[in-house]
Structures are given as structure tokens and as C-alpha cells.
Amino acid sequence: MSADRDIEEWLAERGIVSTASRDRARACLVDEKVINPKKSRMSDQKLERATALLAERFYLVCGAPACMPVAHASGREPLLVEPRTHCERCGGSDNRRAVVDFLEACQRKNVRKLVVVGGSPAVREELEAQLGARMELRMVDGTERRTADKARHDLDWADLVLVWGATELHHKVSEHYTNMPPPLNRKVVHVVRRGVASLLAEAITHLKR
């Protein structure tokens, strides 16, 4: 005898819990004859097909203003999910959403080379992991000596320089970047708030100008 699953529980595991989202997902599965509209369970043999069908038809989205346009542009029908961890775009993470927004802004402005001055070792590693595959990075330790020549070389190389003043950053290091004359100083964004999401939000604001 084959095993089966409760359909409501199976949908809930994917964040499809609101009445509207649940009804829409169920209607899709019924239309494709994956489930019986009169039954509350489906066989395990149909799980793979059901999963593939929902992935093909729907874009699971948290409803955040930054995520909804992406869902609408995906070619799939947006389907609201809870909690946000099920969102295909941001995964419920403010940092992940900020990374996606930042990369999209960089693509629009043709920004491919980024220098980040400051930040803790752990945060620099996180930025490397999140951004390193999509753009060229230089991470500058704000606690180590940096010469003016090296800073000038960074500025010549970069499309954008983020000076993270609210973190581990010595003034003698930061001033090499913030005191540069035009046009180099137009690449520099001085960020005074902590957190990866705040850092990238400031960068996005700069790129929109």
C-alpha cells in the first residue's frame, strides 16, 4: 500500500498557508489532475510531479516591495508565501534582499569593480561570498596601514568605493579615499551605518543619483 501526504500540510511546508495562496495552488493541482478535489491527501508518487508543477507555474514571493516586481517579471504567477524564508528572491533575509538589489543596481550602471574599505573580517568574508561570483572585489582591512599610493590605485581601478565608517576603520586609512579630488571622489560613498543591508542600501542610493 503506497504512502500518502496531507495536501494542506504539504503546501504549508512550502509557505503556502494563506487561504488565497492555498486555494490557487490547489486549483492548479486539480486542473492538472495531480490531486482529486474531493480528497485531502495525495499519494507520495505524485509529490515529485506536484512540486515540479508548482515551480513551473508560480513564483513564491514574500510580498515585499522589492520582491514583487521581480516575481511579476519572472513569467510565472506570483504566489504569496509565509514566512518570508520561502521567498524565492530574498529568502527572508534583509542581507540577501540587499545583495540582490545592489547587484541589479550595479548591472544597470555597469558597475563591475567594487572596493570596500573597513568592516570586520567576518563581514568581509560574507561580502566575498555574496558578491564575489558576480563582480570583482577588493576588500581593504581598515585596521591595517594603507598608503596613499595604494588607495589611489584602488580608486583608479574601481567603479565604486564604499568607505564603511561605522566599522573597524582607522581614520588614517579612510582619509586616503575620502580626501581624493574630483573626479575620483565621485566614486566614493561614505557609509556611517552598520550592517551589510545598510551598506548596500547607501550604495544603491548613490547609484541612483
C-alpha atoms as a PDB file:
ATOM      1  CA  MET A   1       0.000   0.000   0.000  1.00  0.00           C
ATOM      2  CA  SER A   2       1.523   3.321  -1.083  1.00  0.00           C
ATOM      3  CA  ALA A   3       2.010   6.115   1.438  1.00  0.00           C
ATOM      4  CA  ASP A   4       0.303   9.461   1.077  1.00  0.00           C
ATOM      5  CA  ARG A   5       0.531  13.018   2.358  1.00  0.00           C
ATOM      6  CA  ASP A   6      -1.911  15.555   3.707  1.00  0.00           C
ATOM      7  CA  ILE A   7      -2.171  18.197   0.991  1.00  0.00           C
ATOM      8  CA  GLU A   8      -2.596  21.155   3.363  1.00  0.00           C
ATOM      9  CA  GLU A   9       0.483  20.163   5.357  1.00  0.00           C
ATOM     10  CA  TRP A  10       2.499  19.648   2.181  1.00  0.00           C
ATOM     11  CA  LEU A  11       1.583  23.129   0.929  1.00  0.00           C
ATOM     12  CA  ALA A  12       2.319  24.669   4.340  1.00  0.00           C
ATOM     13  CA  GLU A  13       5.844  23.222   4.243  1.00  0.00           C
ATOM     14  CA  ARG A  14       6.387  25.443   1.186  1.00  0.00           C
ATOM     15  CA  GLY A  15       4.973  28.563   2.832  1.00  0.00           C
ATOM     16  CA  ILE A  16       1.642  28.285   1.014  1.00  0.00           C
ATOM     17  CA  VAL A  17      -0.556  28.954   4.026  1.00  0.00           C
ATOM     18  CA  SER A  18      -2.864  31.885   3.285  1.00  0.00           C
ATOM     19  CA  THR A  19      -6.326  30.979   2.052  1.00  0.00           C
ATOM     20  CA  ALA A  20      -5.844  32.730  -1.299  1.00  0.00           C
ATOM     21  CA  SER A  21      -2.445  31.143  -1.999  1.00  0.00           C
ATOM     22  CA  ARG A  22      -3.567  27.723  -0.854  1.00  0.00           C
ATOM     23  CA  ASP A  23      -6.716  27.837  -2.999  1.00  0.00           C
ATOM     24  CA  ARG A  24      -4.744  28.968  -6.048  1.00  0.00           C
ATOM     25  CA  ALA A  25      -2.149  26.215  -5.651  1.00  0.00           C
ATOM     26  CA  ARG A  26      -4.808  23.567  -5.104  1.00  0.00           C
ATOM     27  CA  ALA A  27      -6.749  24.737  -8.170  1.00  0.00           C
ATOM     28  CA  CYS A  28      -3.626  24.361 -10.285  1.00  0.00           C
ATOM     29  CA  LEU A  29      -3.011  20.837  -8.999  1.00  0.00           C
ATOM     30  CA  VAL A  30      -6.647  19.911  -9.597  1.00  0.00           C
ATOM     31  CA  ASP A  31      -6.625  21.318 -13.146  1.00  0.00           C
ATOM     32  CA  GLU A  32      -3.611  19.164 -13.988  1.00  0.00           C
ATOM     33  CA  LYS A  33      -5.255  16.155 -12.324  1.00  0.00           C
ATOM     34  CA  VAL A  34      -2.454  15.783  -9.780  1.00  0.00           C
ATOM     35  CA  ILE A  35      -4.921  15.786  -6.896  1.00  0.00           C
ATOM     36  CA  ASN A  36      -8.580  14.937  -6.503  1.00  0.00           C
ATOM     37  CA  PRO A  37     -10.625  17.993  -5.430  1.00  0.00           C
ATOM     38  CA  LYS A  38     -12.695  15.790  -3.136  1.00  0.00           C
ATOM     39  CA  LYS A  39      -9.713  14.360  -1.265  1.00  0.00           C
ATOM     40  CA  SER A  40      -7.461  15.873   1.395  1.00  0.00           C
ATOM     41  CA  ARG A  41      -4.461  13.638   0.693  1.00  0.00           C
ATOM     42  CA  MET A  42      -2.293  12.696  -2.277  1.00  0.00           C
ATOM     43  CA  SER A  43      -0.037   9.735  -2.848  1.00  0.00           C
ATOM     44  CA  ASP A  44       3.732  10.053  -2.430  1.00  0.00           C
ATOM     45  CA  GLN A  45       4.068   9.006  -6.061  1.00  0.00           C
ATOM     46  CA  LYS A  46       2.567  12.344  -7.097  1.00  0.00           C
ATOM     47  CA  LEU A  47       4.777  14.558  -4.916  1.00  0.00           C
ATOM     48  CA  GLU A  48       7.522  14.999  -7.495  1.00  0.00           C
ATOM     49  CA  ARG A  49       5.056  15.995 -10.206  1.00  0.00           C
ATOM     50  CA  ALA A  50       3.222  18.337  -7.843  1.00  0.00           C
ATOM     51  CA  THR A  51       6.486  20.020  -6.810  1.00  0.00           C
ATOM     52  CA  ALA A  52       7.585  20.488 -10.421  1.00  0.00           C
ATOM     53  CA  LEU A  53       4.198  21.865 -11.434  1.00  0.00           C
ATOM     54  CA  LEU A  54       4.117  24.498  -8.693  1.00  0.00           C
ATOM     55  CA  ALA A  55       7.694  25.541  -9.513  1.00  0.00           C
ATOM     56  CA  GLU A  56       6.765  25.914 -13.179  1.00  0.00           C
ATOM     57  CA  ARG A  57       3.562  27.883 -12.607  1.00  0.00           C
ATOM     58  CA  PHE A  58       4.283  30.022  -9.559  1.00  0.00           C
ATOM     59  CA  TYR A  59       6.945  32.394  -8.232  1.00  0.00           C
ATOM     60  CA  LEU A  60       6.907  32.101  -4.439  1.00  0.00           C
ATOM     61  CA  VAL A  61       7.265  35.614  -3.057  1.00  0.00           C
ATOM     62  CA  CYS A  62       7.047  37.307   0.345  1.00  0.00           C
ATOM     63  CA  GLY A  63       5.237  40.399  -0.903  1.00  0.00           C
ATOM     64  CA  ALA A  64       7.994  42.897  -0.052  1.00  0.00           C
ATOM     65  CA  PRO A  65       8.025  45.924  -2.404  1.00  0.00           C
ATOM     66  CA  ALA A  66      11.476  44.958  -3.668  1.00  0.00           C
ATOM     67  CA  CYS A  67      10.456  41.358  -4.370  1.00  0.00           C
ATOM     68  CA  MET A  68       7.056  41.712  -6.037  1.00  0.00           C
ATOM     69  CA  PRO A  69       8.290  43.361  -9.286  1.00  0.00           C
ATOM     70  CA  VAL A  70      10.774  40.528  -9.753  1.00  0.00           C
ATOM     71  CA  ALA A  71       8.003  37.984  -9.267  1.00  0.00           C
ATOM     72  CA  HIS A  72       5.811  39.736 -11.837  1.00  0.00           C
ATOM     73  CA  ALA A  73       8.701  39.866 -14.321  1.00  0.00           C
ATOM     74  CA  SER A  74       9.520  36.182 -13.905  1.00  0.00           C
ATOM     75  CA  GLY A  75       6.894  34.947 -16.340  1.00  0.00           C
ATOM     76  CA  ARG A  76       5.289  32.962 -13.540  1.00  0.00           C
ATOM     77  CA  GLU A  77       2.308  33.810 -11.380  1.00  0.00           C
ATOM     78  CA  PRO A  78       3.278  35.419  -8.038  1.00  0.00           C
ATOM     79  CA  LEU A  79       2.116  33.343  -5.086  1.00  0.00           C
ATOM     80  CA  LEU A  80       2.382  34.894  -1.628  1.00  0.00           C
ATOM     81  CA  VAL A  81       4.142  32.768   0.978  1.00  0.00           C
ATOM     82  CA  GLU A  82       4.689  32.935   4.745  1.00  0.00           C
ATOM     83  CA  PRO A  83       7.111  33.115   6.443  1.00  0.00           C
ATOM     84  CA  ARG A  84       9.467  35.156   4.252  1.00  0.00           C
ATOM     85  CA  THR A  85      12.085  32.397   4.325  1.00  0.00           C
ATOM     86  CA  HIS A  86      10.165  30.727   1.483  1.00  0.00           C
ATOM     87  CA  CYS A  87      10.539  33.759  -0.814  1.00  0.00           C
ATOM     88  CA  GLU A  88      12.475  32.810  -3.942  1.00  0.00           C
ATOM     89  CA  ARG A  89      14.065  36.238  -4.197  1.00  0.00           C
ATOM     90  CA  CYS A  90      15.158  37.191  -0.691  1.00  0.00           C
ATOM     91  CA  GLY A  91      14.788  34.023   1.351  1.00  0.00           C
ATOM     92  CA  GLY A  92      13.510  36.197   4.191  1.00  0.00           C
ATOM     93  CA  SER A  93      16.924  37.772   4.715  1.00  0.00           C
ATOM     94  CA  ASP A  94      17.375  41.550   4.681  1.00  0.00           C
ATOM     95  CA  ASN A  95      21.005  40.996   3.711  1.00  0.00           C
ATOM     96  CA  ARG A  96      20.135  38.699   0.834  1.00  0.00           C
ATOM     97  CA  ARG A  97      17.496  41.121  -0.434  1.00  0.00           C
ATOM     98  CA  ALA A  98      20.016  43.966  -0.217  1.00  0.00           C
ATOM     99  CA  VAL A  99      22.589  41.929  -2.146  1.00  0.00           C
ATOM    100  CA  VAL A 100      20.100  41.190  -4.927  1.00  0.00           C
ATOM    101  CA  ASP A 101      19.025  44.851  -5.121  1.00  0.00           C
ATOM    102  CA  PHE A 102      22.647  46.006  -5.142  1.00  0.00           C
ATOM    103  CA  LEU A 103      23.688  43.610  -7.909  1.00  0.00           C
ATOM    104  CA  GLU A 104      20.718  44.715 -10.008  1.00  0.00           C
ATOM    105  CA  ALA A 105      21.661  48.381  -9.487  1.00  0.00           C
ATOM    106  CA  CYS A 106      25.278  47.643 -10.422  1.00  0.00           C
ATOM    107  CA  GLN A 107      24.186  45.881 -13.583  1.00  0.00           C
ATOM    108  CA  ARG A 108      22.088  48.872 -14.631  1.00  0.00           C
ATOM    109  CA  LYS A 109      25.015  51.258 -14.062  1.00  0.00           C
ATOM    110  CA  ASN A 110      27.681  48.921 -15.471  1.00  0.00           C
ATOM    111  CA  VAL A 111      29.488  48.777 -12.119  1.00  0.00           C
ATOM    112  CA  ARG A 112      31.745  45.729 -12.127  1.00  0.00           C
ATOM    113  CA  LYS A 113      34.626  46.577  -9.779  1.00  0.00           C
ATOM    114  CA  LEU A 114      33.973  47.280  -6.097  1.00  0.00           C
ATOM    115  CA  VAL A 115      36.284  48.293  -3.255  1.00  0.00           C
ATOM    116  CA  VAL A 116      35.031  48.021   0.333  1.00  0.00           C
ATOM    117  CA  VAL A 117      37.149  49.809   2.940  1.00  0.00           C
ATOM    118  CA  GLY A 118      36.547  48.652   6.518  1.00  0.00           C
ATOM    119  CA  GLY A 119      34.268  46.058   8.058  1.00  0.00           C
ATOM    120  CA  SER A 120      35.088  43.123  10.302  1.00  0.00           C
ATOM    121  CA  PRO A 121      36.813  40.026   8.879  1.00  0.00           C
ATOM    122  CA  ALA A 122      33.557  38.071   9.171  1.00  0.00           C
ATOM    123  CA  VAL A 123      31.580  40.708   7.278  1.00  0.00           C
ATOM    124  CA  ARG A 124      34.235  40.958   4.576  1.00  0.00           C
ATOM    125  CA  GLU A 125      34.018  37.186   4.151  1.00  0.00           C
ATOM    126  CA  GLU A 126      30.235  37.442   3.878  1.00  0.00           C
ATOM    127  CA  LEU A 127      30.513  40.107   1.189  1.00  0.00           C
ATOM    128  CA  GLU A 128      33.042  37.996  -0.699  1.00  0.00           C
ATOM    129  CA  ALA A 129      30.677  35.036  -0.564  1.00  0.00           C
ATOM    130  CA  GLN A 130      27.625  37.059  -1.632  1.00  0.00           C
ATOM    131  CA  LEU A 131      29.192  39.287  -4.296  1.00  0.00           C
ATOM    132  CA  GLY A 132      32.424  37.633  -5.397  1.00  0.00           C
ATOM    133  CA  ALA A 133      30.896  35.483  -8.113  1.00  0.00           C
ATOM    134  CA  ARG A 134      29.137  38.441  -9.757  1.00  0.00           C
ATOM    135  CA  MET A 135      31.714  41.237  -9.641  1.00  0.00           C
ATOM    136  CA  GLU A 136      35.394  41.960  -8.985  1.00  0.00           C
ATOM    137  CA  LEU A 137      36.100  42.848  -5.360  1.00  0.00           C
ATOM    138  CA  ARG A 138      38.858  44.391  -3.297  1.00  0.00           C
ATOM    139  CA  MET A 139      38.363  44.215   0.453  1.00  0.00           C
ATOM    140  CA  VAL A 140      40.552  46.641   2.408  1.00  0.00           C
ATOM    141  CA  ASP A 141      41.233  45.925   6.089  1.00  0.00           C
ATOM    142  CA  GLY A 142      40.537  49.232   7.803  1.00  0.00           C
ATOM    143  CA  THR A 143      42.829  48.414  10.730  1.00  0.00           C
ATOM    144  CA  GLU A 144      45.992  47.893   8.676  1.00  0.00           C
ATOM    145  CA  ARG A 145      48.264  50.554   7.232  1.00  0.00           C
ATOM    146  CA  ARG A 146      47.327  51.639   3.718  1.00  0.00           C
ATOM    147  CA  THR A 147      49.478  54.032   1.724  1.00  0.00           C
ATOM    148  CA  ALA A 148      48.081  56.879  -0.334  1.00  0.00           C
ATOM    149  CA  ASP A 149      49.532  55.273  -3.468  1.00  0.00           C
ATOM    150  CA  LYS A 150      47.675  52.009  -2.819  1.00  0.00           C
ATOM    151  CA  ALA A 151      44.462  53.898  -2.151  1.00  0.00           C
ATOM    152  CA  ARG A 152      44.913  55.862  -5.381  1.00  0.00           C
ATOM    153  CA  HIS A 153      45.444  52.592  -7.235  1.00  0.00           C
ATOM    154  CA  ASP A 154      42.232  51.220  -5.717  1.00  0.00           C
ATOM    155  CA  LEU A 155      40.324  54.315  -6.827  1.00  0.00           C
ATOM    156  CA  ASP A 156      41.741  54.185 -10.352  1.00  0.00           C
ATOM    157  CA  TRP A 157      40.740  50.521 -10.596  1.00  0.00           C
ATOM    158  CA  ALA A 158      37.277  50.659  -9.024  1.00  0.00           C
ATOM    159  CA  ASP A 159      33.900  51.655 -10.395  1.00  0.00           C
ATOM    160  CA  LEU A 160      32.627  52.157  -6.840  1.00  0.00           C
ATOM    161  CA  VAL A 161      34.311  52.535  -3.431  1.00  0.00           C
ATOM    162  CA  LEU A 162      32.404  52.037  -0.169  1.00  0.00           C
ATOM    163  CA  VAL A 163      34.129  53.507   2.887  1.00  0.00           C
ATOM    164  CA  TRP A 164      32.451  51.894   5.883  1.00  0.00           C
ATOM    165  CA  GLY A 165      32.960  54.397   8.669  1.00  0.00           C
ATOM    166  CA  ALA A 166      30.783  52.683  11.287  1.00  0.00           C
ATOM    167  CA  THR A 167      33.066  49.646  11.451  1.00  0.00           C
ATOM    168  CA  GLU A 168      36.678  48.691  12.127  1.00  0.00           C
ATOM    169  CA  LEU A 169      38.245  51.553  10.205  1.00  0.00           C
ATOM    170  CA  HIS A 170      41.147  53.807  11.168  1.00  0.00           C
ATOM    171  CA  HIS A 171      40.868  57.448  10.160  1.00  0.00           C
ATOM    172  CA  LYS A 172      44.303  57.380   8.521  1.00  0.00           C
ATOM    173  CA  VAL A 173      43.070  54.643   6.209  1.00  0.00           C
ATOM    174  CA  SER A 174      39.705  56.174   5.354  1.00  0.00           C
ATOM    175  CA  GLU A 175      41.053  59.650   4.607  1.00  0.00           C
ATOM    176  CA  HIS A 176      43.164  58.278   1.744  1.00  0.00           C
ATOM    177  CA  TYR A 177      39.879  57.500  -0.011  1.00  0.00           C
ATOM    178  CA  THR A 178      37.605  60.298   1.173  1.00  0.00           C
ATOM    179  CA  ASN A 179      40.068  63.148   0.535  1.00  0.00           C
ATOM    180  CA  MET A 180      40.648  62.419  -3.143  1.00  0.00           C
ATOM    181  CA  PRO A 181      39.898  65.257  -5.615  1.00  0.00           C
ATOM    182  CA  PRO A 182      37.346  65.035  -8.456  1.00  0.00           C
ATOM    183  CA  PRO A 183      36.605  63.015 -10.453  1.00  0.00           C
ATOM    184  CA  LEU A 184      37.891  60.159  -8.267  1.00  0.00           C
ATOM    185  CA  ASN A 185      35.892  61.245  -5.235  1.00  0.00           C
ATOM    186  CA  ARG A 186      32.664  60.747  -7.188  1.00  0.00           C
ATOM    187  CA  LYS A 187      33.242  57.001  -6.921  1.00  0.00           C
ATOM    188  CA  VAL A 188      33.403  57.148  -3.122  1.00  0.00           C
ATOM    189  CA  VAL A 189      30.439  56.534  -0.815  1.00  0.00           C
ATOM    190  CA  HIS A 190      30.988  57.171   2.903  1.00  0.00           C
ATOM    191  CA  VAL A 191      28.653  54.903   4.893  1.00  0.00           C
ATOM    192  CA  VAL A 192      28.032  55.656   8.574  1.00  0.00           C
ATOM    193  CA  ARG A 193      25.544  52.889   9.400  1.00  0.00           C
ATOM    194  CA  ARG A 194      26.319  49.338  10.473  1.00  0.00           C
ATOM    195  CA  GLY A 195      25.143  46.171   8.774  1.00  0.00           C
ATOM    196  CA  VAL A 196      25.512  44.736   5.285  1.00  0.00           C
ATOM    197  CA  ALA A 197      21.965  45.754   4.327  1.00  0.00           C
ATOM    198  CA  SER A 198      22.657  49.374   5.328  1.00  0.00           C
ATOM    199  CA  LEU A 199      25.984  49.412   3.493  1.00  0.00           C
ATOM    200  CA  LEU A 200      24.441  48.215   0.255  1.00  0.00           C
ATOM    201  CA  ALA A 201      21.383  50.461   0.637  1.00  0.00           C
ATOM    202  CA  GLU A 202      23.685  53.510   0.735  1.00  0.00           C
ATOM    203  CA  ALA A 203      25.475  52.221  -2.349  1.00  0.00           C
ATOM    204  CA  ILE A 204      22.175  51.781  -4.196  1.00  0.00           C
ATOM    205  CA  THR A 205      21.126  55.335  -3.292  1.00  0.00           C
ATOM    206  CA  HIS A 206      24.422  56.619  -4.696  1.00  0.00           C
ATOM    207  CA  LEU A 207      23.999  54.652  -7.926  1.00  0.00           C
ATOM    208  CA  LYS A 208      20.511  56.072  -8.453  1.00  0.00           C
ATOM    209  CA  ARG A 209      21.778  59.661  -8.489  1.00  0.00           C
END
